[in-house]
Every structure is written in structure tokens, then in C-alpha cells.
């Protein structure tokens, strides 16, 4: 496992650009772990991208989940889990084959 890349921006566009850059460096994303102090995006090799301070109720959490390709319910993804300190969201396949060739 390598040293995790850490996000330092403050807008949803910066989240999208940051994760797009990290997607080129890492293997496919598998899960997003949201804790009380940070959010981590893990790839298949357990390499991670860290978003310090982005947690439940933070305005950038939805942008992180969408950019990582996580499966989540928009109605209750900000709800912290009861009895647990971390909530996990699985990531799905991001782009189908030849998606850029369809007009």
C-alpha cells in the first residue's frame, strides 16, 4: 500500500477533478468509507484517497460518492450509522465499454 493521496480543495468540481486524476493512478475503486472525521475511497488493492473533514452532513460528501461511483440512497446518505463509527458504500462499474463512442 502506498501513501494515501489527500484532498485539499473545497468545491465539488475540485472533488471530481481530484478523483479523476487519482483514478488514473489507482486501480478501480471498490468502496467508500465515511467515518466521523474523514472519508476514504479504497481501490481493489486497498490503496486509498483521503478526504479529511468530509463526513456526515458535509456538503462535499455527495460529490465524493458520485465521483467515486458509489451506490447510495440520496435520501439518507447523510445519516450516520447507529452503533457504528463508519458507514460503507460499495462502488459500481463506472463506465461501460465504449461509452465515449456513443453519440
PDB file of N, CA and C in Angstrom:
ATOM      1  N   UNK A   1       0.844  -1.177   0.000  1.00  0.00           N
ATOM      2  CA  UNK A   1       0.000   0.000   0.000  1.00  0.00           C
ATOM      3  C   UNK A   1       0.887   1.236   0.000  1.00  0.00           C
ATOM      4  N   UNK A   2       0.480   2.195  -0.771  1.00  0.00           N
ATOM      5  CA  UNK A   2       1.251   3.427  -0.894  1.00  0.00           C
ATOM      6  C   UNK A   2       0.712   4.490   0.058  1.00  0.00           C
ATOM      7  N   UNK A   3       1.401   5.622   0.116  1.00  0.00           N
ATOM      8  CA  UNK A   3       0.948   6.744   0.924  1.00  0.00           C
ATOM      9  C   UNK A   3      -0.343   7.291   0.326  1.00  0.00           C
ATOM     10  N   UNK A   4      -1.388   7.481   1.132  1.00  0.00           N
ATOM     11  CA  UNK A   4      -2.658   7.941   0.572  1.00  0.00           C
ATOM     12  C   UNK A   4      -2.593   9.378   0.071  1.00  0.00           C
ATOM     13  N   UNK A   5      -3.267   9.622  -1.044  1.00  0.00           N
ATOM     14  CA  UNK A   5      -3.409  10.975  -1.570  1.00  0.00           C
ATOM     15  C   UNK A   5      -4.474  11.679  -0.727  1.00  0.00           C
ATOM     16  N   UNK A   6      -4.230  12.936  -0.399  1.00  0.00           N
ATOM     17  CA  UNK A   6      -5.140  13.684   0.465  1.00  0.00           C
ATOM     18  C   UNK A   6      -5.715  14.872  -0.282  1.00  0.00           C
ATOM     19  N   UNK A   7      -7.028  15.013  -0.233  1.00  0.00           N
ATOM     20  CA  UNK A   7      -7.750  16.100  -0.891  1.00  0.00           C
ATOM     21  C   UNK A   7      -7.638  17.370  -0.056  1.00  0.00           C
ATOM     22  N   UNK A   8      -7.339  18.500  -0.730  1.00  0.00           N
ATOM     23  CA  UNK A   8      -7.223  19.774  -0.025  1.00  0.00           C
ATOM     24  C   UNK A   8      -8.132  20.859  -0.607  1.00  0.00           C
ATOM     25  N   UNK A   9      -8.969  20.523  -1.569  1.00  0.00           N
ATOM     26  CA  UNK A   9      -9.836  21.508  -2.204  1.00  0.00           C
ATOM     27  C   UNK A   9     -11.078  21.809  -1.384  1.00  0.00           C
ATOM     28  N   UNK A  10     -12.000  22.567  -2.013  1.00  0.00           N
ATOM     29  CA  UNK A  10     -13.194  22.974  -1.278  1.00  0.00           C
ATOM     30  C   UNK A  10     -14.465  23.031  -2.118  1.00  0.00           C
ATOM     31  N   UNK A  11     -14.432  22.538  -3.358  1.00  0.00           N
ATOM     32  CA  UNK A  11     -15.635  22.604  -4.186  1.00  0.00           C
ATOM     33  C   UNK A  11     -15.918  21.242  -4.822  1.00  0.00           C
ATOM     34  N   UNK A  12     -17.169  21.003  -5.221  1.00  0.00           N
ATOM     35  CA  UNK A  12     -17.497  19.742  -5.883  1.00  0.00           C
ATOM     36  C   UNK A  12     -16.719  19.524  -7.180  1.00  0.00           C
ATOM     37  N   UNK A  13     -16.434  20.594  -7.913  1.00  0.00           N
ATOM     38  CA  UNK A  13     -15.652  20.452  -9.145  1.00  0.00           C
ATOM     39  C   UNK A  13     -14.228  19.988  -8.845  1.00  0.00           C
ATOM     40  N   UNK A  14     -13.666  20.476  -7.745  1.00  0.00           N
ATOM     41  CA  UNK A  14     -12.329  20.045  -7.347  1.00  0.00           C
ATOM     42  C   UNK A  14     -12.329  18.578  -6.910  1.00  0.00           C
ATOM     43  N   UNK A  15     -13.401  18.129  -6.269  1.00  0.00           N
ATOM     44  CA  UNK A  15     -13.528  16.721  -5.886  1.00  0.00           C
ATOM     45  C   UNK A  15     -13.534  15.853  -7.134  1.00  0.00           C
ATOM     46  N   UNK A  16     -14.330  16.235  -8.123  1.00  0.00           N
ATOM     47  CA  UNK A  16     -14.429  15.464  -9.361  1.00  0.00           C
ATOM     48  C   UNK A  16     -13.089  15.410 -10.081  1.00  0.00           C
ATOM     49  N   UNK A  17     -12.413  16.539 -10.193  1.00  0.00           N
ATOM     50  CA  UNK A  17     -11.109  16.566 -10.860  1.00  0.00           C
ATOM     51  C   UNK A  17     -10.064  15.762 -10.091  1.00  0.00           C
ATOM     52  N   UNK A  18     -10.087  15.854  -8.773  1.00  0.00           N
ATOM     53  CA  UNK A  18      -9.125  15.137  -7.938  1.00  0.00           C
ATOM     54  C   UNK A  18      -9.310  13.626  -8.076  1.00  0.00           C
ATOM     55  N   UNK A  19     -10.553  13.165  -7.998  1.00  0.00           N
ATOM     56  CA  UNK A  19     -10.794  11.723  -8.115  1.00  0.00           C
ATOM     57  C   UNK A  19     -10.545  11.222  -9.532  1.00  0.00           C
ATOM     58  N   UNK A  20     -10.791  12.049 -10.536  1.00  0.00           N
ATOM     59  CA  UNK A  20     -10.470  11.645 -11.909  1.00  0.00           C
ATOM     60  C   UNK A  20      -8.969  11.464 -12.073  1.00  0.00           C
ATOM     61  N   UNK A  21      -8.182  12.332 -11.467  1.00  0.00           N
ATOM     62  CA  UNK A  21      -6.732  12.206 -11.505  1.00  0.00           C
ATOM     63  C   UNK A  21      -6.273  10.956 -10.752  1.00  0.00           C
ATOM     64  N   UNK A  22      -6.860  10.712  -9.593  1.00  0.00           N
ATOM     65  CA  UNK A  22      -6.484   9.535  -8.805  1.00  0.00           C
ATOM     66  C   UNK A  22      -6.919   8.230  -9.477  1.00  0.00           C
ATOM     67  N   UNK A  23      -8.007   8.293 -10.220  1.00  0.00           N
ATOM     68  CA  UNK A  23      -8.487   7.104 -10.930  1.00  0.00           C
ATOM     69  C   UNK A  23      -7.452   6.636 -11.953  1.00  0.00           C
ATOM     70  N   UNK A  24      -6.689   7.568 -12.516  1.00  0.00           N
ATOM     71  CA  UNK A  24      -5.641   7.225 -13.473  1.00  0.00           C
ATOM     72  C   UNK A  24      -4.464   6.531 -12.786  1.00  0.00           C
ATOM     73  N   UNK A  25      -4.227   6.862 -11.528  1.00  0.00           N
ATOM     74  CA  UNK A  25      -3.077   6.329 -10.792  1.00  0.00           C
ATOM     75  C   UNK A  25      -3.377   5.037 -10.053  1.00  0.00           C
ATOM     76  N   UNK A  26      -4.627   4.835  -9.665  1.00  0.00           N
ATOM     77  CA  UNK A  26      -5.010   3.691  -8.850  1.00  0.00           C
ATOM     78  C   UNK A  26      -5.783   2.668  -9.668  1.00  0.00           C
ATOM     79  N   UNK A  27      -6.051   1.541  -9.058  1.00  0.00           N
ATOM     80  CA  UNK A  27      -6.904   0.510  -9.643  1.00  0.00           C
ATOM     81  C   UNK A  27      -8.358   0.930  -9.445  1.00  0.00           C
ATOM     82  N   UNK A  28      -9.310   0.163  -9.989  1.00  0.00           N
ATOM     83  CA  UNK A  28     -10.730   0.542  -9.835  1.00  0.00           C
ATOM     84  C   UNK A  28     -11.136   0.690  -8.366  1.00  0.00           C
ATOM     85  N   UNK A  29     -11.969   1.700  -8.102  1.00  0.00           N
ATOM     86  CA  UNK A  29     -12.451   1.943  -6.745  1.00  0.00           C
ATOM     87  C   UNK A  29     -13.441   0.848  -6.356  1.00  0.00           C
ATOM     88  N   UNK A  30     -13.380   0.397  -5.103  1.00  0.00           N
ATOM     89  CA  UNK A  30     -14.273  -0.650  -4.627  1.00  0.00           C
ATOM     90  C   UNK A  30     -15.222  -0.202  -3.532  1.00  0.00           C
ATOM     91  N   UNK A  31     -14.774   0.714  -2.660  1.00  0.00           N
ATOM     92  CA  UNK A  31     -15.674   1.162  -1.601  1.00  0.00           C
ATOM     93  C   UNK A  31     -15.277   2.532  -1.079  1.00  0.00           C
ATOM     94  N   UNK A  32     -16.271   3.176  -0.480  1.00  0.00           N
ATOM     95  CA  UNK A  32     -16.086   4.475   0.164  1.00  0.00           C
ATOM     96  C   UNK A  32     -16.460   4.283   1.629  1.00  0.00           C
ATOM     97  N   UNK A  33     -15.533   4.651   2.522  1.00  0.00           N
ATOM     98  CA  UNK A  33     -15.769   4.536   3.957  1.00  0.00           C
ATOM     99  C   UNK A  33     -15.902   5.933   4.540  1.00  0.00           C
ATOM    100  N   UNK A  34     -17.063   6.206   5.127  1.00  0.00           N
ATOM    101  CA  UNK A  34     -17.324   7.513   5.732  1.00  0.00           C
ATOM    102  C   UNK A  34     -17.276   7.335   7.244  1.00  0.00           C
ATOM    103  N   UNK A  35     -16.359   8.042   7.894  1.00  0.00           N
ATOM    104  CA  UNK A  35     -16.205   7.986   9.348  1.00  0.00           C
ATOM    105  C   UNK A  35     -16.542   9.345   9.937  1.00  0.00           C
ATOM    106  N   UNK A  36     -16.397   9.469  11.240  1.00  0.00           N
ATOM    107  CA  UNK A  36     -16.741  10.713  11.930  1.00  0.00           C
ATOM    108  C   UNK A  36     -15.760  11.845  11.640  1.00  0.00           C
ATOM    109  N   UNK A  37     -14.550  11.527  11.166  1.00  0.00           N
ATOM    110  CA  UNK A  37     -13.552  12.569  10.948  1.00  0.00           C
ATOM    111  C   UNK A  37     -13.079  12.699   9.505  1.00  0.00           C
ATOM    112  N   UNK A  38     -13.370  11.715   8.655  1.00  0.00           N
ATOM    113  CA  UNK A  38     -12.886  11.742   7.271  1.00  0.00           C
ATOM    114  C   UNK A  38     -13.633  10.730   6.416  1.00  0.00           C
ATOM    115  N   UNK A  39     -13.422  10.854   5.112  1.00  0.00           N
ATOM    116  CA  UNK A  39     -13.939   9.889   4.151  1.00  0.00           C
ATOM    117  C   UNK A  39     -12.753   9.317   3.391  1.00  0.00           C
ATOM    118  N   UNK A  40     -12.779   8.005   3.183  1.00  0.00           N
ATOM    119  CA  UNK A  40     -11.701   7.332   2.460  1.00  0.00           C
ATOM    120  C   UNK A  40     -12.295   6.573   1.281  1.00  0.00           C
ATOM    121  N   UNK A  41     -11.637   6.671   0.118  1.00  0.00           N
ATOM    122  CA  UNK A  41     -12.014   5.907  -1.062  1.00  0.00           C
ATOM    123  C   UNK A  41     -10.919   4.862  -1.261  1.00  0.00           C
ATOM    124  N   UNK A  42     -11.283   3.577  -1.270  1.00  0.00           N
ATOM    125  CA  UNK A  42     -10.322   2.493  -1.402  1.00  0.00           C
ATOM    126  C   UNK A  42     -10.457   1.823  -2.756  1.00  0.00           C
ATOM    127  N   UNK A  43      -9.312   1.451  -3.338  1.00  0.00           N
ATOM    128  CA  UNK A  43      -9.336   0.715  -4.595  1.00  0.00           C
ATOM    129  C   UNK A  43      -9.218  -0.784  -4.308  1.00  0.00           C
ATOM    130  N   UNK A  44      -9.123  -1.606  -5.339  1.00  0.00           N
ATOM    131  CA  UNK A  44      -9.087  -3.055  -5.162  1.00  0.00           C
ATOM    132  C   UNK A  44      -7.841  -3.527  -4.424  1.00  0.00           C
ATOM    133  N   UNK A  45      -6.764  -2.753  -4.443  1.00  0.00           N
ATOM    134  CA  UNK A  45      -5.539  -3.104  -3.729  1.00  0.00           C
ATOM    135  C   UNK A  45      -5.457  -2.467  -2.350  1.00  0.00           C
ATOM    136  N   UNK A  46      -6.538  -1.870  -1.891  1.00  0.00           N
ATOM    137  CA  UNK A  46      -6.642  -1.176  -0.608  1.00  0.00           C
ATOM    138  C   UNK A  46      -5.781   0.080  -0.534  1.00  0.00           C
ATOM    139  N   UNK A  47      -5.374   0.618  -1.682  1.00  0.00           N
ATOM    140  CA  UNK A  47      -4.770   1.952  -1.713  1.00  0.00           C
ATOM    141  C   UNK A  47      -5.912   2.935  -1.509  1.00  0.00           C
ATOM    142  N   UNK A  48      -5.626   4.055  -0.896  1.00  0.00           N
ATOM    143  CA  UNK A  48      -6.739   4.939  -0.550  1.00  0.00           C
ATOM    144  C   UNK A  48      -6.490   6.391  -0.917  1.00  0.00           C
ATOM    145  N   UNK A  49      -7.606   7.099  -1.048  1.00  0.00           N
ATOM    146  CA  UNK A  49      -7.648   8.542  -1.230  1.00  0.00           C
ATOM    147  C   UNK A  49      -8.422   9.066  -0.025  1.00  0.00           C
ATOM    148  N   UNK A  50      -7.881  10.080   0.644  1.00  0.00           N
ATOM    149  CA  UNK A  50      -8.464  10.566   1.897  1.00  0.00           C
ATOM    150  C   UNK A  50      -9.040  11.967   1.711  1.00  0.00           C
ATOM    151  N   UNK A  51     -10.226  12.169   2.281  1.00  0.00           N
ATOM    152  CA  UNK A  51     -10.899  13.469   2.289  1.00  0.00           C
ATOM    153  C   UNK A  51     -11.094  13.876   3.751  1.00  0.00           C
ATOM    154  N   UNK A  52     -10.087  14.537   4.363  1.00  0.00           N
ATOM    155  CA  UNK A  52     -10.212  14.910   5.776  1.00  0.00           C
ATOM    156  C   UNK A  52     -11.322  15.938   5.994  1.00  0.00           C
ATOM    157  N   UNK A  53     -12.092  15.719   7.040  1.00  0.00           N
ATOM    158  CA  UNK A  53     -13.166  16.651   7.378  1.00  0.00           C
ATOM    159  C   UNK A  53     -14.457  16.421   6.617  1.00  0.00           C
ATOM    160  N   UNK A  54     -14.423  15.653   5.542  1.00  0.00           N
ATOM    161  CA  UNK A  54     -15.648  15.353   4.790  1.00  0.00           C
ATOM    162  C   UNK A  54     -16.301  14.153   5.463  1.00  0.00           C
ATOM    163  N   UNK A  55     -17.431  14.403   6.112  1.00  0.00           N
ATOM    164  CA  UNK A  55     -18.114  13.369   6.871  1.00  0.00           C
ATOM    165  C   UNK A  55     -19.622  13.562   6.742  1.00  0.00           C
ATOM    166  N   UNK A  56     -20.385  12.919   7.588  1.00  0.00           N
ATOM    167  CA  UNK A  56     -21.842  13.017   7.521  1.00  0.00           C
ATOM    168  C   UNK A  56     -22.285  14.466   7.675  1.00  0.00           C
ATOM    169  N   UNK A  57     -23.132  14.922   6.768  1.00  0.00           N
ATOM    170  CA  UNK A  57     -23.625  16.294   6.807  1.00  0.00           C
ATOM    171  C   UNK A  57     -22.755  17.302   6.078  1.00  0.00           C
ATOM    172  N   UNK A  58     -21.582  16.908   5.629  1.00  0.00           N
ATOM    173  CA  UNK A  58     -20.692  17.827   4.911  1.00  0.00           C
ATOM    174  C   UNK A  58     -21.202  17.999   3.483  1.00  0.00           C
ATOM    175  N   UNK A  59     -21.174  19.226   2.934  1.00  0.00           N
ATOM    176  CA  UNK A  59     -21.713  19.446   1.587  1.00  0.00           C
ATOM    177  C   UNK A  59     -20.940  18.738   0.472  1.00  0.00           C
ATOM    178  N   UNK A  60     -19.690  18.349   0.683  1.00  0.00           N
ATOM    179  CA  UNK A  60     -18.917  17.671  -0.363  1.00  0.00           C
ATOM    180  C   UNK A  60     -19.087  16.156  -0.361  1.00  0.00           C
ATOM    181  N   UNK A  61     -19.784  15.600   0.626  1.00  0.00           N
ATOM    182  CA  UNK A  61     -19.916  14.143   0.700  1.00  0.00           C
ATOM    183  C   UNK A  61     -20.611  13.567  -0.526  1.00  0.00           C
ATOM    184  N   UNK A  62     -21.663  14.201  -0.982  1.00  0.00           N
ATOM    185  CA  UNK A  62     -22.369  13.697  -2.166  1.00  0.00           C
ATOM    186  C   UNK A  62     -21.466  13.732  -3.394  1.00  0.00           C
ATOM    187  N   UNK A  63     -20.664  14.776  -3.546  1.00  0.00           N
ATOM    188  CA  UNK A  63     -19.748  14.867  -4.684  1.00  0.00           C
ATOM    189  C   UNK A  63     -18.709  13.751  -4.641  1.00  0.00           C
ATOM    190  N   UNK A  64     -18.217  13.422  -3.463  1.00  0.00           N
ATOM    191  CA  UNK A  64     -17.246  12.330  -3.319  1.00  0.00           C
ATOM    192  C   UNK A  64     -17.892  11.012  -3.714  1.00  0.00           C
ATOM    193  N   UNK A  65     -19.083  10.754  -3.214  1.00  0.00           N
ATOM    194  CA  UNK A  65     -19.771   9.494  -3.520  1.00  0.00           C
ATOM    195  C   UNK A  65     -20.067   9.366  -5.015  1.00  0.00           C
ATOM    196  N   UNK A  66     -20.528  10.434  -5.622  1.00  0.00           N
ATOM    197  CA  UNK A  66     -20.830  10.392  -7.061  1.00  0.00           C
ATOM    198  C   UNK A  66     -19.563  10.216  -7.896  1.00  0.00           C
ATOM    199  N   UNK A  67     -18.512  10.952  -7.577  1.00  0.00           N
ATOM    200  CA  UNK A  67     -17.271  10.877  -8.355  1.00  0.00           C
ATOM    201  C   UNK A  67     -16.586   9.517  -8.205  1.00  0.00           C
ATOM    202  N   UNK A  68     -16.767   8.873  -7.063  1.00  0.00           N
ATOM    203  CA  UNK A  68     -16.167   7.557  -6.843  1.00  0.00           C
ATOM    204  C   UNK A  68     -17.005   6.436  -7.447  1.00  0.00           C
ATOM    205  N   UNK A  69     -18.237   6.745  -7.842  1.00  0.00           N
ATOM    206  CA  UNK A  69     -19.113   5.721  -8.411  1.00  0.00           C
ATOM    207  C   UNK A  69     -19.781   4.870  -7.351  1.00  0.00           C
ATOM    208  N   UNK A  70     -19.989   5.433  -6.172  1.00  0.00           N
ATOM    209  CA  UNK A  70     -20.587   4.689  -5.067  1.00  0.00           C
ATOM    210  C   UNK A  70     -22.096   4.564  -5.245  1.00  0.00           C
ATOM    211  N   UNK A  71     -22.633   3.450  -4.758  1.00  0.00           N
ATOM    212  CA  UNK A  71     -24.077   3.237  -4.738  1.00  0.00           C
ATOM    213  C   UNK A  71     -24.610   3.764  -3.415  1.00  0.00           C
ATOM    214  N   UNK A  72     -25.544   4.715  -3.492  1.00  0.00           N
ATOM    215  CA  UNK A  72     -26.089   5.293  -2.267  1.00  0.00           C
ATOM    216  C   UNK A  72     -27.493   5.804  -2.506  1.00  0.00           C
ATOM    217  N   UNK A  73     -28.247   5.908  -1.418  1.00  0.00           N
ATOM    218  CA  UNK A  73     -29.604   6.441  -1.456  1.00  0.00           C
ATOM    219  C   UNK A  73     -29.525   7.937  -1.180  1.00  0.00           C
ATOM    220  N   UNK A  74     -29.902   8.784  -2.146  1.00  0.00           N
ATOM    221  CA  UNK A  74     -29.801  10.232  -1.939  1.00  0.00           C
ATOM    222  C   UNK A  74     -30.634  10.755  -0.771  1.00  0.00           C
ATOM    223  N   UNK A  75     -31.629  10.006  -0.352  1.00  0.00           N
ATOM    224  CA  UNK A  75     -32.481  10.478   0.734  1.00  0.00           C
ATOM    225  C   UNK A  75     -31.842  10.332   2.109  1.00  0.00           C
ATOM    226  N   UNK A  76     -30.930   9.356   2.285  1.00  0.00           N
ATOM    227  CA  UNK A  76     -30.419   9.145   3.641  1.00  0.00           C
ATOM    228  C   UNK A  76     -28.917   8.866   3.725  1.00  0.00           C
ATOM    229  N   UNK A  77     -28.140   9.272   2.752  1.00  0.00           N
ATOM    230  CA  UNK A  77     -26.706   9.007   2.822  1.00  0.00           C
ATOM    231  C   UNK A  77     -26.000   9.862   3.864  1.00  0.00           C
ATOM    232  N   UNK A  78     -26.617  10.959   4.304  1.00  0.00           N
ATOM    233  CA  UNK A  78     -26.016  11.814   5.335  1.00  0.00           C
ATOM    234  C   UNK A  78     -26.275  11.299   6.752  1.00  0.00           C
ATOM    235  N   UNK A  79     -27.094  10.254   6.883  1.00  0.00           N
ATOM    236  CA  UNK A  79     -27.433   9.736   8.198  1.00  0.00           C
ATOM    237  C   UNK A  79     -26.307   8.869   8.739  1.00  0.00           C
ATOM    238  N   UNK A  80     -25.745   9.213   9.896  1.00  0.00           N
ATOM    239  CA  UNK A  80     -24.699   8.355  10.460  1.00  0.00           C
ATOM    240  C   UNK A  80     -25.280   7.029  10.921  1.00  0.00           C
ATOM    241  N   UNK A  81     -24.491   5.967  10.884  1.00  0.00           N
ATOM    242  CA  UNK A  81     -24.994   4.660  11.304  1.00  0.00           C
ATOM    243  C   UNK A  81     -25.207   4.617  12.819  1.00  0.00           C
ATOM    244  N   UNK A  82     -26.177   3.839  13.243  1.00  0.00           N
ATOM    245  CA  UNK A  82     -26.419   3.696  14.677  1.00  0.00           C
ATOM    246  C   UNK A  82     -25.557   2.559  15.213  1.00  0.00           C
ATOM    247  N   UNK A  83     -24.815   2.854  16.249  1.00  0.00           N
ATOM    248  CA  UNK A  83     -23.995   1.843  16.883  1.00  0.00           C
ATOM    249  C   UNK A  83     -22.675   1.548  16.178  1.00  0.00           C
ATOM    250  N   UNK A  84     -22.390   2.241  15.080  1.00  0.00           N
ATOM    251  CA  UNK A  84     -21.145   2.040  14.357  1.00  0.00           C
ATOM    252  C   UNK A  84     -20.492   3.399  14.122  1.00  0.00           C
ATOM    253  N   UNK A  85     -19.185   3.383  13.933  1.00  0.00           N
ATOM    254  CA  UNK A  85     -18.496   4.645  13.690  1.00  0.00           C
ATOM    255  C   UNK A  85     -18.239   4.894  12.207  1.00  0.00           C
ATOM    256  N   UNK A  86     -18.413   3.878  11.371  1.00  0.00           N
ATOM    257  CA  UNK A  86     -18.118   4.001   9.946  1.00  0.00           C
ATOM    258  C   UNK A  86     -19.273   3.461   9.122  1.00  0.00           C
ATOM    259  N   UNK A  87     -19.541   4.145   8.013  1.00  0.00           N
ATOM    260  CA  UNK A  87     -20.550   3.670   7.063  1.00  0.00           C
ATOM    261  C   UNK A  87     -19.860   3.380   5.741  1.00  0.00           C
ATOM    262  N   UNK A  88     -20.182   2.249   5.135  1.00  0.00           N
ATOM    263  CA  UNK A  88     -19.514   1.804   3.922  1.00  0.00           C
ATOM    264  C   UNK A  88     -20.476   1.847   2.730  1.00  0.00           C
ATOM    265  N   UNK A  89     -19.972   2.371   1.602  1.00  0.00           N
ATOM    266  CA  UNK A  89     -20.718   2.408   0.352  1.00  0.00           C
ATOM    267  C   UNK A  89     -19.906   1.667  -0.699  1.00  0.00           C
ATOM    268  N   UNK A  90     -20.505   0.708  -1.377  1.00  0.00           N
ATOM    269  CA  UNK A  90     -19.809  -0.018  -2.437  1.00  0.00           C
ATOM    270  C   UNK A  90     -19.796   0.775  -3.727  1.00  0.00           C
ATOM    271  N   UNK A  91     -18.742   0.593  -4.499  1.00  0.00           N
ATOM    272  CA  UNK A  91     -18.618   1.265  -5.794  1.00  0.00           C
ATOM    273  C   UNK A  91     -18.981   0.295  -6.903  1.00  0.00           C
ATOM    274  N   UNK A  92     -19.616   0.827  -7.927  1.00  0.00           N
ATOM    275  CA  UNK A  92     -20.015   0.020  -9.070  1.00  0.00           C
ATOM    276  C   UNK A  92     -19.100   0.307 -10.244  1.00  0.00           C
ATOM    277  N   UNK A  93     -19.288  -0.427 -11.319  1.00  0.00           N
ATOM    278  CA  UNK A  93     -18.521  -0.154 -12.539  1.00  0.00           C
ATOM    279  C   UNK A  93     -18.841   1.265 -12.992  1.00  0.00           C
ATOM    280  N   UNK A  94     -17.839   2.037 -13.275  1.00  0.00           N
ATOM    281  CA  UNK A  94     -18.016   3.454 -13.565  1.00  0.00           C
ATOM    282  C   UNK A  94     -18.487   3.710 -14.995  1.00  0.00           C
ATOM    283  N   UNK A  95     -17.785   3.179 -15.968  1.00  0.00           N
ATOM    284  CA  UNK A  95     -18.118   3.432 -17.360  1.00  0.00           C
ATOM    285  C   UNK A  95     -18.157   2.117 -18.138  1.00  0.00           C
ATOM    286  N   UNK A  96     -19.197   1.886 -18.934  1.00  0.00           N
ATOM    287  CA  UNK A  96     -19.220   0.690 -19.761  1.00  0.00           C
ATOM    288  C   UNK A  96     -18.241   0.809 -20.937  1.00  0.00           C
ATOM    289  N   UNK A  97     -17.918  -0.295 -21.526  1.00  0.00           N
ATOM    290  CA  UNK A  97     -17.012  -0.323 -22.663  1.00  0.00           C
ATOM    291  C   UNK A  97     -17.554   0.556 -23.778  1.00  0.00           C
ATOM    292  N   UNK A  98     -16.717   1.379 -24.360  1.00  0.00           N
ATOM    293  CA  UNK A  98     -17.027   2.253 -25.498  1.00  0.00           C
ATOM    294  C   UNK A  98     -18.084   3.313 -25.172  1.00  0.00           C
ATOM    295  N   UNK A  99     -18.195   3.710 -23.923  1.00  0.00           N
ATOM    296  CA  UNK A  99     -19.184   4.719 -23.555  1.00  0.00           C
ATOM    297  C   UNK A  99     -18.931   6.057 -24.257  1.00  0.00           C
ATOM    298  N   UNK A 100     -17.682   6.323 -24.595  1.00  0.00           N
ATOM    299  CA  UNK A 100     -17.342   7.601 -25.214  1.00  0.00           C
ATOM    300  C   UNK A 100     -17.622   7.613 -26.716  1.00  0.00           C
ATOM    301  N   UNK A 101     -17.983   6.499 -27.285  1.00  0.00           N
ATOM    302  CA  UNK A 101     -18.247   6.424 -28.733  1.00  0.00           C
ATOM    303  C   UNK A 101     -19.722   6.515 -29.076  1.00  0.00           C
ATOM    304  N   UNK A 102     -20.565   6.509 -28.073  1.00  0.00           N
ATOM    305  CA  UNK A 102     -21.994   6.593 -28.314  1.00  0.00           C
ATOM    306  C   UNK A 102     -22.370   8.053 -28.468  1.00  0.00           C
ATOM    307  N   UNK A 103     -23.076   8.360 -29.533  1.00  0.00           N
ATOM    308  CA  UNK A 103     -23.472   9.747 -29.779  1.00  0.00           C
ATOM    309  C   UNK A 103     -24.810  10.065 -29.211  1.00  0.00           C
TER     310      UNK A 103
END
